């Protein structure tokens, strides 16, 4: 259920194409991946989360939208600028792969959160399996998007970590697939 090397490569190419456009416009900027792609806990339907770090007097959301339109990188009419959101983002769907991408600006906390999750993946090797199963479970029930009343991927992962911390078993720390029967306990958790 975990991403294949081919899926990782396709996503890396999407990131490289977008990063190239961003850096051609703002060569001082830095593009970072965060979210489920950075942690490796993504499903084939998951989006890619990027943050652009740089110095602007006002966020260049519309400028970036224009760059993407000129470079013809996105599926027609897929570019959306959410400039009134608490975290303004540019959303698009990559034309070559149909992978959705969300781009925010100067919000480095997502990168730090992804690194935290990676430390827990090392501590609890069963965590990815638990997360994949539950993500798919939520996806099939349309409960995987916050804006439609579901739960965010990050919240789900934190709940899984909490569950593993509260139910410490030596064999749950090792990579033992037999313990995935504990998912029923998690759901009642």
C-alpha atoms as a PDB file:
ATOM      1  CA  UNK A   1       0.000   0.000   0.000  1.00  0.00           C
ATOM      2  CA  UNK A   2       2.988   2.295   0.362  1.00  0.00           C
ATOM      3  CA  UNK A   3       4.058   4.443  -2.602  1.00  0.00           C
ATOM      4  CA  UNK A   4       6.138   2.732  -5.272  1.00  0.00           C
ATOM      5  CA  UNK A   5       9.456   4.061  -6.513  1.00  0.00           C
ATOM      6  CA  UNK A   6       7.722   5.013  -9.786  1.00  0.00           C
ATOM      7  CA  UNK A   7       5.107   7.059  -7.879  1.00  0.00           C
ATOM      8  CA  UNK A   8       7.872   8.796  -5.931  1.00  0.00           C
ATOM      9  CA  UNK A   9       9.715   9.571  -9.184  1.00  0.00           C
ATOM     10  CA  UNK A  10       6.606  11.005 -10.876  1.00  0.00           C
ATOM     11  CA  UNK A  11       5.969  13.271  -7.897  1.00  0.00           C
ATOM     12  CA  UNK A  12       9.610  14.359  -7.813  1.00  0.00           C
ATOM     13  CA  UNK A  13       9.283  15.379 -11.474  1.00  0.00           C
ATOM     14  CA  UNK A  14       6.140  17.428 -10.722  1.00  0.00           C
ATOM     15  CA  UNK A  15       7.970  19.206  -7.899  1.00  0.00           C
ATOM     16  CA  UNK A  16      10.988  19.847 -10.158  1.00  0.00           C
ATOM     17  CA  UNK A  17       8.810  21.362 -12.927  1.00  0.00           C
ATOM     18  CA  UNK A  18       7.031  23.689 -10.500  1.00  0.00           C
ATOM     19  CA  UNK A  19      10.232  24.588  -8.674  1.00  0.00           C
ATOM     20  CA  UNK A  20      11.887  25.492 -11.992  1.00  0.00           C
ATOM     21  CA  UNK A  21       9.079  27.941 -12.804  1.00  0.00           C
ATOM     22  CA  UNK A  22       9.179  29.500  -9.335  1.00  0.00           C
ATOM     23  CA  UNK A  23      12.970  29.877  -9.300  1.00  0.00           C
ATOM     24  CA  UNK A  24      12.986  31.350 -12.810  1.00  0.00           C
ATOM     25  CA  UNK A  25      10.777  34.143 -11.455  1.00  0.00           C
ATOM     26  CA  UNK A  26      12.326  34.486  -7.967  1.00  0.00           C
ATOM     27  CA  UNK A  27      15.844  33.050  -7.961  1.00  0.00           C
ATOM     28  CA  UNK A  28      16.313  33.914  -4.268  1.00  0.00           C
ATOM     29  CA  UNK A  29      13.263  31.870  -3.242  1.00  0.00           C
ATOM     30  CA  UNK A  30      13.419  28.395  -1.752  1.00  0.00           C
ATOM     31  CA  UNK A  31      10.833  25.714  -2.528  1.00  0.00           C
ATOM     32  CA  UNK A  32      10.218  23.043   0.115  1.00  0.00           C
ATOM     33  CA  UNK A  33       7.999  19.973   0.072  1.00  0.00           C
ATOM     34  CA  UNK A  34       5.915  19.204   3.148  1.00  0.00           C
ATOM     35  CA  UNK A  35       2.875  17.116   3.994  1.00  0.00           C
ATOM     36  CA  UNK A  36       2.302  13.483   3.114  1.00  0.00           C
ATOM     37  CA  UNK A  37       4.694  13.461   0.153  1.00  0.00           C
ATOM     38  CA  UNK A  38       7.588  14.569   2.367  1.00  0.00           C
ATOM     39  CA  UNK A  39       6.736  11.997   5.038  1.00  0.00           C
ATOM     40  CA  UNK A  40       6.119   9.243   2.479  1.00  0.00           C
ATOM     41  CA  UNK A  41       2.638   8.653   3.931  1.00  0.00           C
ATOM     42  CA  UNK A  42       0.673   9.565   0.815  1.00  0.00           C
ATOM     43  CA  UNK A  43      -1.899   7.664  -1.189  1.00  0.00           C
ATOM     44  CA  UNK A  44      -1.929   7.725  -5.010  1.00  0.00           C
ATOM     45  CA  UNK A  45      -4.781  10.262  -4.794  1.00  0.00           C
ATOM     46  CA  UNK A  46      -2.939  12.587  -2.386  1.00  0.00           C
ATOM     47  CA  UNK A  47      -1.857  16.064  -3.390  1.00  0.00           C
ATOM     48  CA  UNK A  48       1.628  17.550  -3.126  1.00  0.00           C
ATOM     49  CA  UNK A  49       2.116  20.379  -0.640  1.00  0.00           C
ATOM     50  CA  UNK A  50       4.784  22.959  -1.403  1.00  0.00           C
ATOM     51  CA  UNK A  51       5.857  26.097   0.408  1.00  0.00           C
ATOM     52  CA  UNK A  52       7.773  28.924  -1.236  1.00  0.00           C
ATOM     53  CA  UNK A  53      10.052  30.760   1.172  1.00  0.00           C
ATOM     54  CA  UNK A  54      11.151  34.250   0.190  1.00  0.00           C
ATOM     55  CA  UNK A  55      10.895  37.963   0.831  1.00  0.00           C
ATOM     56  CA  UNK A  56       7.934  39.800  -0.632  1.00  0.00           C
ATOM     57  CA  UNK A  57       6.146  42.949   0.479  1.00  0.00           C
ATOM     58  CA  UNK A  58       2.907  41.163  -0.398  1.00  0.00           C
ATOM     59  CA  UNK A  59       2.429  37.525  -1.331  1.00  0.00           C
ATOM     60  CA  UNK A  60       2.803  37.025  -5.101  1.00  0.00           C
ATOM     61  CA  UNK A  61      -0.154  34.669  -5.475  1.00  0.00           C
ATOM     62  CA  UNK A  62      -1.482  36.258  -8.682  1.00  0.00           C
ATOM     63  CA  UNK A  63       2.011  36.575 -10.145  1.00  0.00           C
ATOM     64  CA  UNK A  64       2.558  32.860  -9.612  1.00  0.00           C
ATOM     65  CA  UNK A  65      -0.839  32.101 -11.129  1.00  0.00           C
ATOM     66  CA  UNK A  66       0.162  34.110 -14.216  1.00  0.00           C
ATOM     67  CA  UNK A  67       3.496  32.273 -14.481  1.00  0.00           C
ATOM     68  CA  UNK A  68       1.727  28.917 -14.396  1.00  0.00           C
ATOM     69  CA  UNK A  69      -0.743  30.065 -17.060  1.00  0.00           C
ATOM     70  CA  UNK A  70       2.082  31.267 -19.312  1.00  0.00           C
ATOM     71  CA  UNK A  71       4.096  28.066 -18.866  1.00  0.00           C
ATOM     72  CA  UNK A  72       0.973  25.919 -19.479  1.00  0.00           C
ATOM     73  CA  UNK A  73       1.849  23.573 -16.616  1.00  0.00           C
ATOM     74  CA  UNK A  74      -1.662  23.060 -15.236  1.00  0.00           C
ATOM     75  CA  UNK A  75      -4.842  21.386 -16.401  1.00  0.00           C
ATOM     76  CA  UNK A  76      -7.091  24.025 -17.944  1.00  0.00           C
ATOM     77  CA  UNK A  77      -9.088  25.965 -15.324  1.00  0.00           C
ATOM     78  CA  UNK A  78      -7.451  24.063 -12.451  1.00  0.00           C
ATOM     79  CA  UNK A  79      -5.440  27.002 -11.098  1.00  0.00           C
ATOM     80  CA  UNK A  80      -7.184  28.531  -8.102  1.00  0.00           C
ATOM     81  CA  UNK A  81      -5.873  31.347  -5.943  1.00  0.00           C
ATOM     82  CA  UNK A  82      -7.265  31.215  -2.418  1.00  0.00           C
ATOM     83  CA  UNK A  83      -6.097  34.623  -1.274  1.00  0.00           C
ATOM     84  CA  UNK A  84      -8.736  35.072   1.437  1.00  0.00           C
ATOM     85  CA  UNK A  85      -7.933  31.823   3.263  1.00  0.00           C
ATOM     86  CA  UNK A  86      -6.187  31.911   6.642  1.00  0.00           C
ATOM     87  CA  UNK A  87      -3.210  30.412   4.808  1.00  0.00           C
ATOM     88  CA  UNK A  88      -3.347  31.789   1.251  1.00  0.00           C
ATOM     89  CA  UNK A  89      -2.493  29.173  -1.369  1.00  0.00           C
ATOM     90  CA  UNK A  90      -2.338  28.562  -5.083  1.00  0.00           C
ATOM     91  CA  UNK A  91      -3.945  25.268  -6.100  1.00  0.00           C
ATOM     92  CA  UNK A  92      -3.426  23.545  -9.429  1.00  0.00           C
ATOM     93  CA  UNK A  93      -3.540  20.175 -11.113  1.00  0.00           C
ATOM     94  CA  UNK A  94      -0.380  19.218 -13.002  1.00  0.00           C
ATOM     95  CA  UNK A  95      -1.158  18.840 -16.706  1.00  0.00           C
ATOM     96  CA  UNK A  96       1.242  15.966 -17.305  1.00  0.00           C
ATOM     97  CA  UNK A  97       0.253  13.749 -14.350  1.00  0.00           C
ATOM     98  CA  UNK A  98      -3.108  15.015 -13.011  1.00  0.00           C
ATOM     99  CA  UNK A  99      -1.532  15.305  -9.562  1.00  0.00           C
ATOM    100  CA  UNK A 100      -2.988  18.123  -7.454  1.00  0.00           C
ATOM    101  CA  UNK A 101      -0.556  20.633  -5.943  1.00  0.00           C
ATOM    102  CA  UNK A 102      -1.095  23.200  -3.171  1.00  0.00           C
ATOM    103  CA  UNK A 103       1.456  25.999  -2.896  1.00  0.00           C
ATOM    104  CA  UNK A 104       1.707  28.279   0.135  1.00  0.00           C
ATOM    105  CA  UNK A 105       4.169  31.032   0.974  1.00  0.00           C
ATOM    106  CA  UNK A 106       6.474  31.552   3.958  1.00  0.00           C
ATOM    107  CA  UNK A 107       4.799  28.937   6.176  1.00  0.00           C
ATOM    108  CA  UNK A 108       7.774  26.854   7.310  1.00  0.00           C
ATOM    109  CA  UNK A 109       5.829  25.077  10.071  1.00  0.00           C
ATOM    110  CA  UNK A 110       4.618  22.442   7.585  1.00  0.00           C
ATOM    111  CA  UNK A 111       8.183  21.387   6.869  1.00  0.00           C
ATOM    112  CA  UNK A 112       8.926  21.116  10.601  1.00  0.00           C
ATOM    113  CA  UNK A 113       5.749  19.082  11.142  1.00  0.00           C
ATOM    114  CA  UNK A 114       6.712  16.669   8.367  1.00  0.00           C
ATOM    115  CA  UNK A 115      10.118  16.150   9.954  1.00  0.00           C
ATOM    116  CA  UNK A 116       8.442  15.437  13.302  1.00  0.00           C
ATOM    117  CA  UNK A 117       6.234  12.809  11.642  1.00  0.00           C
ATOM    118  CA  UNK A 118       9.305  11.194  10.077  1.00  0.00           C
ATOM    119  CA  UNK A 119      10.860  10.767  13.530  1.00  0.00           C
ATOM    120  CA  UNK A 120       7.712   8.971  14.687  1.00  0.00           C
ATOM    121  CA  UNK A 121       7.769   6.737  11.602  1.00  0.00           C
ATOM    122  CA  UNK A 122      11.244   5.642  12.712  1.00  0.00           C
ATOM    123  CA  UNK A 123      10.075   5.111  16.300  1.00  0.00           C
ATOM    124  CA  UNK A 124       6.902   3.224  15.309  1.00  0.00           C
ATOM    125  CA  UNK A 125       7.558   1.196  12.116  1.00  0.00           C
ATOM    126  CA  UNK A 126       3.920   0.046  12.105  1.00  0.00           C
ATOM    127  CA  UNK A 127       2.739   3.682  11.856  1.00  0.00           C
ATOM    128  CA  UNK A 128       2.776   3.868   8.025  1.00  0.00           C
ATOM    129  CA  UNK A 129       0.649   0.732   7.687  1.00  0.00           C
ATOM    130  CA  UNK A 130      -1.862   2.013  10.212  1.00  0.00           C
ATOM    131  CA  UNK A 131      -1.981   5.406   8.479  1.00  0.00           C
ATOM    132  CA  UNK A 132      -2.399   3.924   4.962  1.00  0.00           C
ATOM    133  CA  UNK A 133      -5.266   1.678   6.021  1.00  0.00           C
ATOM    134  CA  UNK A 134      -7.069   4.473   7.858  1.00  0.00           C
ATOM    135  CA  UNK A 135      -6.474   7.011   5.077  1.00  0.00           C
ATOM    136  CA  UNK A 136      -7.995   4.603   2.563  1.00  0.00           C
ATOM    137  CA  UNK A 137     -10.875   3.898   4.950  1.00  0.00           C
ATOM    138  CA  UNK A 138     -11.596   7.643   5.238  1.00  0.00           C
ATOM    139  CA  UNK A 139     -11.134   8.229   1.498  1.00  0.00           C
ATOM    140  CA  UNK A 140     -13.713   5.589   0.616  1.00  0.00           C
ATOM    141  CA  UNK A 141     -16.214   7.319   2.909  1.00  0.00           C
ATOM    142  CA  UNK A 142     -15.403  10.872   1.734  1.00  0.00           C
ATOM    143  CA  UNK A 143     -14.103  11.731   5.202  1.00  0.00           C
ATOM    144  CA  UNK A 144     -10.587  12.671   4.118  1.00  0.00           C
ATOM    145  CA  UNK A 145     -11.077  16.408   3.486  1.00  0.00           C
ATOM    146  CA  UNK A 146     -11.484  18.940   6.285  1.00  0.00           C
ATOM    147  CA  UNK A 147     -13.541  21.322   4.152  1.00  0.00           C
ATOM    148  CA  UNK A 148     -16.173  18.615   3.601  1.00  0.00           C
ATOM    149  CA  UNK A 149     -16.387  17.657   7.274  1.00  0.00           C
ATOM    150  CA  UNK A 150     -13.632  15.063   7.332  1.00  0.00           C
ATOM    151  CA  UNK A 151     -10.295  14.855   9.078  1.00  0.00           C
ATOM    152  CA  UNK A 152      -6.956  16.139   7.844  1.00  0.00           C
ATOM    153  CA  UNK A 153      -4.159  13.735   7.102  1.00  0.00           C
ATOM    154  CA  UNK A 154      -1.996  15.450   9.710  1.00  0.00           C
ATOM    155  CA  UNK A 155      -4.680  15.060  12.400  1.00  0.00           C
ATOM    156  CA  UNK A 156      -5.104  11.402  11.502  1.00  0.00           C
ATOM    157  CA  UNK A 157      -1.366  10.796  11.799  1.00  0.00           C
ATOM    158  CA  UNK A 158      -1.223  12.533  15.184  1.00  0.00           C
ATOM    159  CA  UNK A 159      -4.140  10.389  16.378  1.00  0.00           C
ATOM    160  CA  UNK A 160      -2.302   7.261  15.226  1.00  0.00           C
ATOM    161  CA  UNK A 161       0.857   8.359  17.045  1.00  0.00           C
ATOM    162  CA  UNK A 162      -1.156   9.036  20.186  1.00  0.00           C
ATOM    163  CA  UNK A 163      -2.785   5.617  19.922  1.00  0.00           C
ATOM    164  CA  UNK A 164       0.596   3.893  19.596  1.00  0.00           C
ATOM    165  CA  UNK A 165       1.965   5.870  22.548  1.00  0.00           C
ATOM    166  CA  UNK A 166      -1.048   5.070  24.740  1.00  0.00           C
ATOM    167  CA  UNK A 167      -1.012   1.379  23.822  1.00  0.00           C
ATOM    168  CA  UNK A 168       2.677   0.528  24.093  1.00  0.00           C
ATOM    169  CA  UNK A 169       3.377  -3.059  23.230  1.00  0.00           C
ATOM    170  CA  UNK A 170       6.824  -4.284  22.431  1.00  0.00           C
ATOM    171  CA  UNK A 171       5.569  -6.116  19.382  1.00  0.00           C
ATOM    172  CA  UNK A 172       3.717  -3.004  18.135  1.00  0.00           C
ATOM    173  CA  UNK A 173       6.986  -1.089  18.003  1.00  0.00           C
ATOM    174  CA  UNK A 174       8.518  -3.697  15.724  1.00  0.00           C
ATOM    175  CA  UNK A 175       7.273  -4.058  12.162  1.00  0.00           C
ATOM    176  CA  UNK A 176       4.740  -6.778  12.892  1.00  0.00           C
ATOM    177  CA  UNK A 177       1.757  -6.774  10.538  1.00  0.00           C
ATOM    178  CA  UNK A 178      -0.202  -9.058  12.859  1.00  0.00           C
ATOM    179  CA  UNK A 179      -0.813  -6.078  15.109  1.00  0.00           C
ATOM    180  CA  UNK A 180      -2.866  -4.336  12.456  1.00  0.00           C
ATOM    181  CA  UNK A 181      -5.843  -6.116  14.017  1.00  0.00           C
ATOM    182  CA  UNK A 182      -5.518  -3.399  16.627  1.00  0.00           C
ATOM    183  CA  UNK A 183      -7.074  -1.036  14.067  1.00  0.00           C
ATOM    184  CA  UNK A 184     -10.438  -1.972  15.551  1.00  0.00           C
ATOM    185  CA  UNK A 185      -9.186  -0.703  18.901  1.00  0.00           C
ATOM    186  CA  UNK A 186      -8.006   2.477  17.218  1.00  0.00           C
ATOM    187  CA  UNK A 187     -11.391   3.108  15.624  1.00  0.00           C
ATOM    188  CA  UNK A 188     -13.056   2.874  19.032  1.00  0.00           C
ATOM    189  CA  UNK A 189     -10.255   5.092  20.417  1.00  0.00           C
END
